[in-house]
PDB file of N, CA and C in Angstrom:
ATOM      1  N   LEU A   1       0.730  -1.022  -0.278  1.00  0.00           N
ATOM      2  CA  LEU A   1       0.199   0.399  -0.113  1.00  0.00           C
ATOM      3  C   LEU A   1       0.959   1.353  -0.035  1.00  0.00           C
ATOM      4  N   GLN A   2       0.387   2.050  -0.530  1.00  0.00           N
ATOM      5  CA  GLN A   2       1.400   3.048  -1.288  1.00  0.00           C
ATOM      6  C   GLN A   2       0.604   4.946  -0.628  1.00  0.00           C
ATOM      7  N   LEU A   3       0.568   5.795  -0.028  1.00  0.00           N
ATOM      8  CA  LEU A   3       0.238   6.631   0.083  1.00  0.00           C
ATOM      9  C   LEU A   3       0.784   8.308  -0.119  1.00  0.00           C
ATOM     10  N   GLN A   4       0.103   9.110  -0.423  1.00  0.00           N
ATOM     11  CA  GLN A   4       0.785  10.145  -0.675  1.00  0.00           C
ATOM     12  C   GLN A   4      -0.061  11.434   0.080  1.00  0.00           C
ATOM     13  N   ALA A   5       0.533  12.153   0.924  1.00  0.00           N
ATOM     14  CA  ALA A   5       0.038  13.378   1.199  1.00  0.00           C
ATOM     15  C   ALA A   5       0.219  14.232   0.566  1.00  0.00           C
ATOM     16  N   SER A   6      -0.720  15.334  -0.130  1.00  0.00           N
ATOM     17  CA  SER A   6      -0.439  16.817  -1.000  1.00  0.00           C
ATOM     18  C   SER A   6      -1.137  17.539  -0.622  1.00  0.00           C
ATOM     19  N   GLY A   7      -0.887  18.980  -0.841  1.00  0.00           N
ATOM     20  CA  GLY A   7      -1.915  20.154  -0.381  1.00  0.00           C
ATOM     21  C   GLY A   7      -1.185  21.028   0.487  1.00  0.00           C
ATOM     22  N   GLY A   8       0.029  20.572   0.891  1.00  0.00           N
ATOM     23  CA  GLY A   8       0.860  21.375   2.308  1.00  0.00           C
ATOM     24  C   GLY A   8       1.344  23.021   1.292  1.00  0.00           C
ATOM     25  N   GLY A   9       1.545  23.672   1.997  1.00  0.00           N
ATOM     26  CA  GLY A   9       2.336  25.039   1.578  1.00  0.00           C
ATOM     27  C   GLY A   9       1.856  26.521   2.584  1.00  0.00           C
ATOM     28  N   LEU A  10       2.355  27.520   1.817  1.00  0.00           N
ATOM     29  CA  LEU A  10       2.349  28.484   2.829  1.00  0.00           C
ATOM     30  C   LEU A  10       1.135  28.661   3.041  1.00  0.00           C
ATOM     31  N   VAL A  11       0.602  29.542   4.398  1.00  0.00           N
ATOM     32  CA  VAL A  11      -1.115  29.951   4.548  1.00  0.00           C
ATOM     33  C   VAL A  11      -0.801  30.919   5.157  1.00  0.00           C
ATOM     34  N   GLN A  12      -1.175  32.141   5.709  1.00  0.00           N
ATOM     35  CA  GLN A  12      -1.368  33.257   6.731  1.00  0.00           C
ATOM     36  C   GLN A  12      -2.192  33.006   7.471  1.00  0.00           C
ATOM     37  N   PRO A  13      -1.637  33.234   8.788  1.00  0.00           N
ATOM     38  CA  PRO A  13      -2.685  32.911  10.299  1.00  0.00           C
ATOM     39  C   PRO A  13      -4.154  33.215   9.785  1.00  0.00           C
ATOM     40  N   GLY A  14      -5.233  32.378  10.267  1.00  0.00           N
ATOM     41  CA  GLY A  14      -6.467  32.330   9.278  1.00  0.00           C
ATOM     42  C   GLY A  14      -7.329  32.004   8.382  1.00  0.00           C
ATOM     43  N   GLY A  15      -6.057  31.522   7.623  1.00  0.00           N
ATOM     44  CA  GLY A  15      -6.627  30.888   6.496  1.00  0.00           C
ATOM     45  C   GLY A  15      -6.707  29.381   6.617  1.00  0.00           C
ATOM     46  N   SER A  16      -6.803  28.866   4.978  1.00  0.00           N
ATOM     47  CA  SER A  16      -7.660  28.271   5.038  1.00  0.00           C
ATOM     48  C   SER A  16      -6.053  26.712   4.363  1.00  0.00           C
ATOM     49  N   LEU A  17      -6.535  25.411   4.554  1.00  0.00           N
ATOM     50  CA  LEU A  17      -5.434  24.485   3.126  1.00  0.00           C
ATOM     51  C   LEU A  17      -6.792  23.119   3.687  1.00  0.00           C
ATOM     52  N   ARG A  18      -6.327  22.398   2.091  1.00  0.00           N
ATOM     53  CA  ARG A  18      -7.373  21.322   1.912  1.00  0.00           C
ATOM     54  C   ARG A  18      -5.992  20.424   1.647  1.00  0.00           C
ATOM     55  N   LEU A  19      -5.548  19.626   2.664  1.00  0.00           N
ATOM     56  CA  LEU A  19      -5.037  18.612   2.045  1.00  0.00           C
ATOM     57  C   LEU A  19      -5.635  17.141   1.430  1.00  0.00           C
ATOM     58  N   SER A  20      -4.631  16.350   0.233  1.00  0.00           N
ATOM     59  CA  SER A  20      -5.450  15.191   0.146  1.00  0.00           C
ATOM     60  C   SER A  20      -4.426  14.195   0.732  1.00  0.00           C
ATOM     61  N   CYS A  21      -4.773  12.860   0.655  1.00  0.00           N
ATOM     62  CA  CYS A  21      -4.207  11.638   1.085  1.00  0.00           C
ATOM     63  C   CYS A  21      -4.268  11.111  -0.515  1.00  0.00           C
ATOM     64  N   ALA A  22      -3.630  10.574  -1.074  1.00  0.00           N
ATOM     65  CA  ALA A  22      -4.220   9.365  -2.591  1.00  0.00           C
ATOM     66  C   ALA A  22      -3.773   8.147  -2.074  1.00  0.00           C
ATOM     67  N   ALA A  23      -4.254   7.324  -2.559  1.00  0.00           N
ATOM     68  CA  ALA A  23      -3.261   5.502  -2.659  1.00  0.00           C
ATOM     69  C   ALA A  23      -3.127   5.662  -4.459  1.00  0.00           C
ATOM     70  N   SER A  24      -1.552   4.248  -4.113  1.00  0.00           N
ATOM     71  CA  SER A  24      -1.576   3.920  -5.405  1.00  0.00           C
ATOM     72  C   SER A  24      -2.024   2.739  -5.012  1.00  0.00           C
ATOM     73  N   GLY A  25      -2.926   1.934  -6.749  1.00  0.00           N
ATOM     74  CA  GLY A  25      -2.735   0.152  -6.120  1.00  0.00           C
ATOM     75  C   GLY A  25      -4.378  -0.382  -4.949  1.00  0.00           C
ATOM     76  N   PHE A  26      -4.610   0.762  -4.491  1.00  0.00           N
ATOM     77  CA  PHE A  26      -5.794   0.208  -3.445  1.00  0.00           C
ATOM     78  C   PHE A  26      -6.945   0.994  -3.326  1.00  0.00           C
ATOM     79  N   THR A  27      -8.057   0.838  -2.840  1.00  0.00           N
ATOM     80  CA  THR A  27      -8.767   1.498  -2.906  1.00  0.00           C
ATOM     81  C   THR A  27      -9.301   2.306  -1.000  1.00  0.00           C
ATOM     82  N   LEU A  28      -9.048   3.376  -1.110  1.00  0.00           N
ATOM     83  CA  LEU A  28      -8.848   3.928   0.131  1.00  0.00           C
ATOM     84  C   LEU A  28     -10.381   3.311   0.981  1.00  0.00           C
ATOM     85  N   ASP A  29     -11.214   3.373   0.373  1.00  0.00           N
ATOM     86  CA  ASP A  29     -12.671   3.082   0.839  1.00  0.00           C
ATOM     87  C   ASP A  29     -12.805   2.059   1.839  1.00  0.00           C
ATOM     88  N   TYR A  30     -11.963   1.395   1.662  1.00  0.00           N
ATOM     89  CA  TYR A  30     -12.120  -0.356   2.402  1.00  0.00           C
ATOM     90  C   TYR A  30     -11.275  -0.192   4.148  1.00  0.00           C
ATOM     91  N   TYR A  31     -10.722   0.823   3.917  1.00  0.00           N
ATOM     92  CA  TYR A  31      -9.193   0.833   5.278  1.00  0.00           C
ATOM     93  C   TYR A  31      -9.394   2.718   6.048  1.00  0.00           C
ATOM     94  N   ALA A  32      -9.465   2.234   7.154  1.00  0.00           N
ATOM     95  CA  ALA A  32      -8.854   3.332   8.129  1.00  0.00           C
ATOM     96  C   ALA A  32      -8.361   4.258   7.869  1.00  0.00           C
ATOM     97  N   ILE A  33      -8.584   5.771   7.728  1.00  0.00           N
ATOM     98  CA  ILE A  33      -7.642   6.424   7.027  1.00  0.00           C
ATOM     99  C   ILE A  33      -7.070   7.543   8.421  1.00  0.00           C
ATOM    100  N   GLY A  34      -5.761   7.776   8.712  1.00  0.00           N
ATOM    101  CA  GLY A  34      -5.586   9.060   9.623  1.00  0.00           C
ATOM    102  C   GLY A  34      -4.972  10.097   9.082  1.00  0.00           C
ATOM    103  N   TRP A  35      -5.071  11.396   9.677  1.00  0.00           N
ATOM    104  CA  TRP A  35      -4.189  12.008   9.623  1.00  0.00           C
ATOM    105  C   TRP A  35      -3.117  12.784  10.742  1.00  0.00           C
ATOM    106  N   PHE A  36      -1.944  12.766  10.731  1.00  0.00           N
ATOM    107  CA  PHE A  36      -1.047  13.119  11.782  1.00  0.00           C
ATOM    108  C   PHE A  36      -0.315  14.098  11.162  1.00  0.00           C
ATOM    109  N   ARG A  37       0.494  15.034  12.103  1.00  0.00           N
ATOM    110  CA  ARG A  37       1.459  15.995  12.457  1.00  0.00           C
ATOM    111  C   ARG A  37       2.407  15.989  12.904  1.00  0.00           C
ATOM    112  N   GLN A  38       3.486  16.416  12.572  1.00  0.00           N
ATOM    113  CA  GLN A  38       4.867  16.543  13.430  1.00  0.00           C
ATOM    114  C   GLN A  38       5.610  17.693  13.348  1.00  0.00           C
ATOM    115  N   ALA A  39       5.493  18.493  14.020  1.00  0.00           N
ATOM    116  CA  ALA A  39       6.433  19.945  14.324  1.00  0.00           C
ATOM    117  C   ALA A  39       7.639  19.467  14.769  1.00  0.00           C
ATOM    118  N   PRO A  40       8.346  20.264  14.137  1.00  0.00           N
ATOM    119  CA  PRO A  40      10.178  20.206  14.694  1.00  0.00           C
ATOM    120  C   PRO A  40      10.262  20.182  15.886  1.00  0.00           C
ATOM    121  N   GLY A  41      11.146  19.202  16.498  1.00  0.00           N
ATOM    122  CA  GLY A  41      10.910  19.142  18.163  1.00  0.00           C
ATOM    123  C   GLY A  41       9.892  18.654  19.167  1.00  0.00           C
ATOM    124  N   LYS A  42       8.739  18.625  18.207  1.00  0.00           N
ATOM    125  CA  LYS A  42       7.685  18.084  18.548  1.00  0.00           C
ATOM    126  C   LYS A  42       7.528  16.447  18.110  1.00  0.00           C
ATOM    127  N   GLU A  43       6.942  15.690  18.980  1.00  0.00           N
ATOM    128  CA  GLU A  43       6.377  14.232  18.999  1.00  0.00           C
ATOM    129  C   GLU A  43       5.013  14.126  18.065  1.00  0.00           C
ATOM    130  N   ARG A  44       4.916  13.344  17.182  1.00  0.00           N
ATOM    131  CA  ARG A  44       4.088  13.023  15.997  1.00  0.00           C
ATOM    132  C   ARG A  44       2.541  13.242  16.728  1.00  0.00           C
ATOM    133  N   GLU A  45       1.762  13.920  16.241  1.00  0.00           N
ATOM    134  CA  GLU A  45       0.163  13.979  16.789  1.00  0.00           C
ATOM    135  C   GLU A  45      -0.846  13.461  15.968  1.00  0.00           C
ATOM    136  N   GLY A  46      -1.504  12.549  16.606  1.00  0.00           N
ATOM    137  CA  GLY A  46      -2.831  12.442  15.977  1.00  0.00           C
ATOM    138  C   GLY A  46      -3.748  13.547  15.825  1.00  0.00           C
ATOM    139  N   ILE A  47      -4.040  13.703  14.648  1.00  0.00           N
ATOM    140  CA  ILE A  47      -5.428  14.717  14.507  1.00  0.00           C
ATOM    141  C   ILE A  47      -6.918  14.441  14.092  1.00  0.00           C
ATOM    142  N   SER A  48      -6.980  13.293  13.088  1.00  0.00           N
ATOM    143  CA  SER A  48      -8.412  12.898  12.727  1.00  0.00           C
ATOM    144  C   SER A  48      -8.224  11.268  12.532  1.00  0.00           C
ATOM    145  N   CYS A  49      -9.032  10.311  12.460  1.00  0.00           N
ATOM    146  CA  CYS A  49      -9.253   9.384  11.671  1.00  0.00           C
ATOM    147  C   CYS A  49     -10.695   9.085  11.332  1.00  0.00           C
ATOM    148  N   ILE A  50     -10.783   8.363   9.861  1.00  0.00           N
ATOM    149  CA  ILE A  50     -12.013   8.507   9.169  1.00  0.00           C
ATOM    150  C   ILE A  50     -11.806   6.672   8.932  1.00  0.00           C
ATOM    151  N   SER A  51     -13.168   5.847   9.460  1.00  0.00           N
ATOM    152  CA  SER A  51     -13.425   5.328   9.282  1.00  0.00           C
ATOM    153  C   SER A  51     -14.024   4.338   7.928  1.00  0.00           C
ATOM    154  N   SER A  52     -13.870   2.923   7.784  1.00  0.00           N
ATOM    155  CA  SER A  52     -14.660   2.612   6.158  1.00  0.00           C
ATOM    156  C   SER A  52     -15.951   2.949   6.148  1.00  0.00           C
ATOM    157  N   ASP A  53     -16.788   2.800   7.523  1.00  0.00           N
ATOM    158  CA  ASP A  53     -18.238   3.296   7.337  1.00  0.00           C
ATOM    159  C   ASP A  53     -18.518   4.715   7.107  1.00  0.00           C
ATOM    160  N   GLY A  54     -17.491   5.933   7.279  1.00  0.00           N
ATOM    161  CA  GLY A  54     -17.785   7.528   7.449  1.00  0.00           C
ATOM    162  C   GLY A  54     -17.601   7.652   9.055  1.00  0.00           C
ATOM    163  N   SER A  55     -17.464   7.022   9.858  1.00  0.00           N
ATOM    164  CA  SER A  55     -17.512   7.711  11.164  1.00  0.00           C
ATOM    165  C   SER A  55     -16.042   7.924  11.445  1.00  0.00           C
ATOM    166  N   THR A  56     -15.879   9.068  12.129  1.00  0.00           N
ATOM    167  CA  THR A  56     -14.708  10.144  12.232  1.00  0.00           C
ATOM    168  C   THR A  56     -14.445  10.158  14.071  1.00  0.00           C
ATOM    169  N   ASN A  57     -13.108  10.135  13.910  1.00  0.00           N
ATOM    170  CA  ASN A  57     -13.020  10.979  15.332  1.00  0.00           C
ATOM    171  C   ASN A  57     -11.637  12.186  15.061  1.00  0.00           C
ATOM    172  N   TYR A  58     -11.621  12.913  16.373  1.00  0.00           N
ATOM    173  CA  TYR A  58     -10.358  14.152  16.196  1.00  0.00           C
ATOM    174  C   TYR A  58     -10.231  14.510  17.246  1.00  0.00           C
ATOM    175  N   ALA A  59      -8.484  14.869  17.428  1.00  0.00           N
ATOM    176  CA  ALA A  59      -7.849  15.155  18.650  1.00  0.00           C
ATOM    177  C   ALA A  59      -9.247  16.527  19.003  1.00  0.00           C
ATOM    178  N   ASP A  60      -9.123  16.423  20.297  1.00  0.00           N
ATOM    179  CA  ASP A  60     -10.101  17.556  20.698  1.00  0.00           C
ATOM    180  C   ASP A  60      -9.541  18.695  20.434  1.00  0.00           C
ATOM    181  N   SER A  61      -8.401  19.452  20.535  1.00  0.00           N
ATOM    182  CA  SER A  61      -7.790  20.474  20.256  1.00  0.00           C
ATOM    183  C   SER A  61      -7.833  20.971  18.901  1.00  0.00           C
ATOM    184  N   LEU A  62      -8.584  20.212  18.136  1.00  0.00           N
ATOM    185  CA  LEU A  62      -8.328  20.492  16.546  1.00  0.00           C
ATOM    186  C   LEU A  62     -10.116  20.425  16.388  1.00  0.00           C
ATOM    187  N   LYS A  63     -11.309  20.006  17.050  1.00  0.00           N
ATOM    188  CA  LYS A  63     -12.249  19.717  16.495  1.00  0.00           C
ATOM    189  C   LYS A  63     -12.857  21.391  16.289  1.00  0.00           C
ATOM    190  N   GLY A  64     -13.688  21.043  15.256  1.00  0.00           N
ATOM    191  CA  GLY A  64     -14.595  22.568  14.913  1.00  0.00           C
ATOM    192  C   GLY A  64     -13.292  23.185  13.784  1.00  0.00           C
ATOM    193  N   ARG A  65     -11.896  22.865  13.629  1.00  0.00           N
ATOM    194  CA  ARG A  65     -11.097  23.748  12.560  1.00  0.00           C
ATOM    195  C   ARG A  65     -10.808  22.456  12.007  1.00  0.00           C
ATOM    196  N   PHE A  66     -11.208  21.432  12.026  1.00  0.00           N
ATOM    197  CA  PHE A  66     -10.309  20.305  10.966  1.00  0.00           C
ATOM    198  C   PHE A  66     -11.761  19.135  10.319  1.00  0.00           C
ATOM    199  N   THR A  67     -11.637  19.143   9.499  1.00  0.00           N
ATOM    200  CA  THR A  67     -12.803  17.775   9.196  1.00  0.00           C
ATOM    201  C   THR A  67     -11.871  17.037   8.036  1.00  0.00           C
ATOM    202  N   ILE A  68     -12.270  15.775   8.410  1.00  0.00           N
ATOM    203  CA  ILE A  68     -11.751  14.826   7.621  1.00  0.00           C
ATOM    204  C   ILE A  68     -13.053  13.982   6.672  1.00  0.00           C
ATOM    205  N   SER A  69     -12.233  13.812   5.452  1.00  0.00           N
ATOM    206  CA  SER A  69     -13.361  13.242   4.834  1.00  0.00           C
ATOM    207  C   SER A  69     -13.375  12.589   3.327  1.00  0.00           C
ATOM    208  N   ARG A  70     -13.991  11.564   2.975  1.00  0.00           N
ATOM    209  CA  ARG A  70     -13.618  10.557   1.749  1.00  0.00           C
ATOM    210  C   ARG A  70     -14.233  11.568   0.408  1.00  0.00           C
ATOM    211  N   ASN A  71     -13.448  11.249  -0.503  1.00  0.00           N
ATOM    212  CA  ASN A  71     -13.724  11.523  -1.951  1.00  0.00           C
ATOM    213  C   ASN A  71     -13.041   9.950  -2.644  1.00  0.00           C
ATOM    214  N   ALA A  72     -14.485   9.552  -2.377  1.00  0.00           N
ATOM    215  CA  ALA A  72     -14.911   8.321  -3.362  1.00  0.00           C
ATOM    216  C   ALA A  72     -14.032   8.488  -4.850  1.00  0.00           C
ATOM    217  N   ALA A  73     -14.818   9.356  -5.260  1.00  0.00           N
ATOM    218  CA  ALA A  73     -14.469   9.283  -6.965  1.00  0.00           C
ATOM    219  C   ALA A  73     -12.884   9.471  -7.369  1.00  0.00           C
ATOM    220  N   LYS A  74     -12.168  10.490  -6.467  1.00  0.00           N
ATOM    221  CA  LYS A  74     -10.907  10.979  -6.488  1.00  0.00           C
ATOM    222  C   LYS A  74     -10.076   9.457  -5.625  1.00  0.00           C
ATOM    223  N   ASN A  75     -10.460   8.637  -4.977  1.00  0.00           N
ATOM    224  CA  ASN A  75      -9.930   7.747  -4.254  1.00  0.00           C
ATOM    225  C   ASN A  75      -8.733   8.286  -2.717  1.00  0.00           C
ATOM    226  N   THR A  76      -9.728   9.597  -2.279  1.00  0.00           N
ATOM    227  CA  THR A  76      -8.950  10.321  -1.480  1.00  0.00           C
ATOM    228  C   THR A  76      -9.233  10.386  -0.125  1.00  0.00           C
ATOM    229  N   VAL A  77      -8.471  10.555   0.710  1.00  0.00           N
ATOM    230  CA  VAL A  77      -8.715  10.987   1.929  1.00  0.00           C
ATOM    231  C   VAL A  77      -8.401  12.377   2.325  1.00  0.00           C
ATOM    232  N   ASP A  78      -9.394  13.677   2.225  1.00  0.00           N
ATOM    233  CA  ASP A  78      -8.902  15.115   2.554  1.00  0.00           C
ATOM    234  C   ASP A  78      -9.274  15.338   4.270  1.00  0.00           C
ATOM    235  N   LEU A  79      -8.242  16.652   4.075  1.00  0.00           N
ATOM    236  CA  LEU A  79      -7.969  17.105   5.567  1.00  0.00           C
ATOM    237  C   LEU A  79      -8.597  18.666   5.226  1.00  0.00           C
ATOM    238  N   GLN A  80      -9.438  18.959   5.441  1.00  0.00           N
ATOM    239  CA  GLN A  80      -9.598  20.412   5.387  1.00  0.00           C
ATOM    240  C   GLN A  80      -9.367  21.166   6.854  1.00  0.00           C
ATOM    241  N   MET A  81      -8.574  22.302   6.968  1.00  0.00           N
ATOM    242  CA  MET A  81      -8.027  22.522   7.817  1.00  0.00           C
ATOM    243  C   MET A  81      -8.316  24.290   7.464  1.00  0.00           C
ATOM    244  N   ASN A  82      -8.977  24.840   8.606  1.00  0.00           N
ATOM    245  CA  ASN A  82      -9.408  26.084   8.579  1.00  0.00           C
ATOM    246  C   ASN A  82      -9.350  27.242   9.844  1.00  0.00           C
ATOM    247  N   SER A  83      -8.890  28.203   9.756  1.00  0.00           N
ATOM    248  CA  SER A  83      -8.797  29.097  10.722  1.00  0.00           C
ATOM    249  C   SER A  83      -7.216  28.831  11.275  1.00  0.00           C
ATOM    250  N   LEU A  84      -6.120  28.492  10.413  1.00  0.00           N
ATOM    251  CA  LEU A  84      -5.025  27.652  10.501  1.00  0.00           C
ATOM    252  C   LEU A  84      -4.154  28.914  11.531  1.00  0.00           C
ATOM    253  N   LYS A  85      -3.647  28.251  12.690  1.00  0.00           N
ATOM    254  CA  LYS A  85      -2.584  29.055  13.406  1.00  0.00           C
ATOM    255  C   LYS A  85      -0.930  29.088  12.834  1.00  0.00           C
ATOM    256  N   PRO A  86      -0.344  29.890  13.841  1.00  0.00           N
ATOM    257  CA  PRO A  86       1.220  29.293  13.694  1.00  0.00           C
ATOM    258  C   PRO A  86       1.519  28.081  13.843  1.00  0.00           C
ATOM    259  N   GLU A  87       0.734  27.765  15.262  1.00  0.00           N
ATOM    260  CA  GLU A  87       1.417  26.236  15.738  1.00  0.00           C
ATOM    261  C   GLU A  87       0.929  25.546  15.029  1.00  0.00           C
ATOM    262  N   ASP A  88      -0.304  25.870  13.981  1.00  0.00           N
ATOM    263  CA  ASP A  88      -0.708  24.248  13.289  1.00  0.00           C
ATOM    264  C   ASP A  88       0.250  23.614  12.313  1.00  0.00           C
ATOM    265  N   ALA A  89       2.042  25.012  12.173  1.00  0.00           N
ATOM    266  CA  ALA A  89       2.864  24.254  10.978  1.00  0.00           C
ATOM    267  C   ALA A  89       3.640  23.298  11.330  1.00  0.00           C
ATOM    268  N   ALA A  90       3.571  22.223  10.536  1.00  0.00           N
ATOM    269  CA  ALA A  90       4.262  20.853  10.984  1.00  0.00           C
ATOM    270  C   ALA A  90       4.281  20.055   9.453  1.00  0.00           C
ATOM    271  N   VAL A  91       4.672  18.788   9.566  1.00  0.00           N
ATOM    272  CA  VAL A  91       4.990  17.674   8.204  1.00  0.00           C
ATOM    273  C   VAL A  91       3.821  17.432   8.513  1.00  0.00           C
ATOM    274  N   TYR A  92       2.543  16.723   7.825  1.00  0.00           N
ATOM    275  CA  TYR A  92       1.470  16.111   8.160  1.00  0.00           C
ATOM    276  C   TYR A  92       1.547  15.264   6.711  1.00  0.00           C
ATOM    277  N   TYR A  93       0.945  13.957   7.979  1.00  0.00           N
ATOM    278  CA  TYR A  93       1.056  12.988   7.267  1.00  0.00           C
ATOM    279  C   TYR A  93      -0.141  12.156   7.060  1.00  0.00           C
ATOM    280  N   CYS A  94      -0.488  11.093   6.052  1.00  0.00           N
ATOM    281  CA  CYS A  94      -1.608  10.396   6.024  1.00  0.00           C
ATOM    282  C   CYS A  94      -0.842   9.004   6.032  1.00  0.00           C
ATOM    283  N   ALA A  95      -2.296   8.105   6.954  1.00  0.00           N
ATOM    284  CA  ALA A  95      -1.627   6.878   7.222  1.00  0.00           C
ATOM    285  C   ALA A  95      -2.787   5.565   7.039  1.00  0.00           C
ATOM    286  N   SER A  96      -2.486   4.613   6.883  1.00  0.00           N
ATOM    287  CA  SER A  96      -3.823   3.473   6.827  1.00  0.00           C
ATOM    288  C   SER A  96      -3.735   2.608   8.209  1.00  0.00           C
ATOM    289  N   GLU A  97      -4.652   1.830   8.204  1.00  0.00           N
ATOM    290  CA  GLU A  97      -5.115   0.422   9.294  1.00  0.00           C
ATOM    291  C   GLU A  97      -5.087  -0.516   7.945  1.00  0.00           C
ATOM    292  N   ASP A  98      -4.868  -1.854   8.365  1.00  0.00           N
ATOM    293  CA  ASP A  98      -5.083  -2.416   8.017  1.00  0.00           C
ATOM    294  C   ASP A  98      -6.401  -3.270   8.278  1.00  0.00           C
ATOM    295  N   SER A  99      -7.706  -2.340   8.720  1.00  0.00           N
ATOM    296  CA  SER A  99      -8.440  -2.753   9.017  1.00  0.00           C
ATOM    297  C   SER A  99      -9.717  -1.700   8.317  1.00  0.00           C
ATOM    298  N   PRO A 100     -10.752  -1.415   8.468  1.00  0.00           N
ATOM    299  CA  PRO A 100     -11.897  -0.620   8.369  1.00  0.00           C
ATOM    300  C   PRO A 100     -12.181   0.613   9.054  1.00  0.00           C
ATOM    301  N   ASP A 101     -11.600  -0.062  10.313  1.00  0.00           N
ATOM    302  CA  ASP A 101     -12.013   0.815  11.673  1.00  0.00           C
ATOM    303  C   ASP A 101     -11.021   1.711  12.263  1.00  0.00           C
ATOM    304  N   CYS A 102     -10.906   2.728  12.632  1.00  0.00           N
ATOM    305  CA  CYS A 102     -10.339   3.307  13.719  1.00  0.00           C
ATOM    306  C   CYS A 102      -9.836   2.820  14.576  1.00  0.00           C
ATOM    307  N   SER A 103      -8.810   2.102  14.790  1.00  0.00           N
ATOM    308  CA  SER A 103      -8.970   1.094  16.330  1.00  0.00           C
ATOM    309  C   SER A 103      -8.024   2.409  17.361  1.00  0.00           C
ATOM    310  N   GLY A 104      -7.415   3.531  17.040  1.00  0.00           N
ATOM    311  CA  GLY A 104      -6.407   3.962  17.937  1.00  0.00           C
ATOM    312  C   GLY A 104      -5.683   3.372  17.781  1.00  0.00           C
ATOM    313  N   GLY A 105      -5.038   2.560  17.319  1.00  0.00           N
ATOM    314  CA  GLY A 105      -3.783   1.564  17.225  1.00  0.00           C
ATOM    315  C   GLY A 105      -2.187   2.021  16.357  1.00  0.00           C
ATOM    316  N   ALA A 106      -1.415   1.651  16.706  1.00  0.00           N
ATOM    317  CA  ALA A 106      -0.450   1.590  15.231  1.00  0.00           C
ATOM    318  C   ALA A 106      -1.172   1.531  14.182  1.00  0.00           C
ATOM    319  N   MET A 107      -0.731   2.632  13.120  1.00  0.00           N
ATOM    320  CA  MET A 107      -0.986   2.295  11.597  1.00  0.00           C
ATOM    321  C   MET A 107       0.009   1.681  10.929  1.00  0.00           C
ATOM    322  N   ALA A 108      -0.670   0.830  10.003  1.00  0.00           N
ATOM    323  CA  ALA A 108       0.116   0.065   9.311  1.00  0.00           C
ATOM    324  C   ALA A 108       0.784   0.732   8.116  1.00  0.00           C
ATOM    325  N   HIS A 109       0.757   1.232   7.544  1.00  0.00           N
ATOM    326  CA  HIS A 109       1.078   1.834   6.183  1.00  0.00           C
ATOM    327  C   HIS A 109       1.122   3.860   6.610  1.00  0.00           C
ATOM    328  N   TRP A 110       2.228   4.223   6.236  1.00  0.00           N
ATOM    329  CA  TRP A 110       2.837   5.744   5.885  1.00  0.00           C
ATOM    330  C   TRP A 110       2.652   6.561   4.830  1.00  0.00           C
ATOM    331  N   GLY A 111       1.915   7.572   4.461  1.00  0.00           N
ATOM    332  CA  GLY A 111       2.800   8.221   3.659  1.00  0.00           C
ATOM    333  C   GLY A 111       3.863   9.063   3.573  1.00  0.00           C
ATOM    334  N   LYS A 112       4.642   9.489   2.344  1.00  0.00           N
ATOM    335  CA  LYS A 112       5.092  10.686   2.569  1.00  0.00           C
ATOM    336  C   LYS A 112       4.418  11.981   3.133  1.00  0.00           C
ATOM    337  N   GLY A 113       5.101  12.918   4.193  1.00  0.00           N
ATOM    338  CA  GLY A 113       4.348  14.051   4.589  1.00  0.00           C
ATOM    339  C   GLY A 113       4.765  15.108   3.186  1.00  0.00           C
ATOM    340  N   THR A 114       3.456  15.954   3.695  1.00  0.00           N
ATOM    341  CA  THR A 114       3.056  17.416   2.976  1.00  0.00           C
ATOM    342  C   THR A 114       3.520  18.522   4.164  1.00  0.00           C
ATOM    343  N   GLN A 115       4.617  19.460   3.819  1.00  0.00           N
ATOM    344  CA  GLN A 115       4.828  20.584   4.842  1.00  0.00           C
ATOM    345  C   GLN A 115       3.610  21.524   4.565  1.00  0.00           C
ATOM    346  N   VAL A 116       3.412  21.579   6.201  1.00  0.00           N
ATOM    347  CA  VAL A 116       2.277  22.968   6.133  1.00  0.00           C
ATOM    348  C   VAL A 116       2.934  23.946   6.919  1.00  0.00           C
ATOM    349  N   THR A 117       2.957  25.185   6.186  1.00  0.00           N
ATOM    350  CA  THR A 117       3.578  26.712   7.293  1.00  0.00           C
ATOM    351  C   THR A 117       2.746  27.796   7.113  1.00  0.00           C
ATOM    352  N   VAL A 118       2.593  28.247   8.481  1.00  0.00           N
ATOM    353  CA  VAL A 118       1.347  28.977   8.684  1.00  0.00           C
ATOM    354  C   VAL A 118       2.390  30.424   9.568  1.00  0.00           C
ATOM    355  N   SER A 119       2.392  31.550   8.311  1.00  0.00           N
ATOM    356  CA  SER A 119       2.875  32.550   8.530  1.00  0.00           C
ATOM    357  C   SER A 119       2.284  33.390   8.246  1.00  0.00           C
ATOM    358  N   SER A 120       2.982  34.862   8.626  1.00  0.00           N
ATOM    359  CA  SER A 120       2.611  35.964   7.795  1.00  0.00           C
ATOM    360  C   SER A 120       3.506  36.455   7.499  1.00  0.00           C
TER     361      SER A 120
END
């Protein structure tokens, strides 16, 4: 399974970005997909996960600003990020479980990350 995160870039505080997680060679719909981020000098942080049935969960600190969704037509899982803050700057990664449900355990497959910079 190969995953690739894209859509990162430079955005001003208060702005929005939409990240996409694309898959090669398999259908994302069958797997739980999570988004994570890691800022320099900090531990990797879980952001959100979407199960195969569409159920979602979020880190409490990010609820209301970030939204995870599936785009079956494009075979992607997207992360809409609004009201971005400088502390949201990080490398963002997507990952999949080998199951349809978000278990909260270790992810099985990781993609290369995409850099998000929030600065004026």
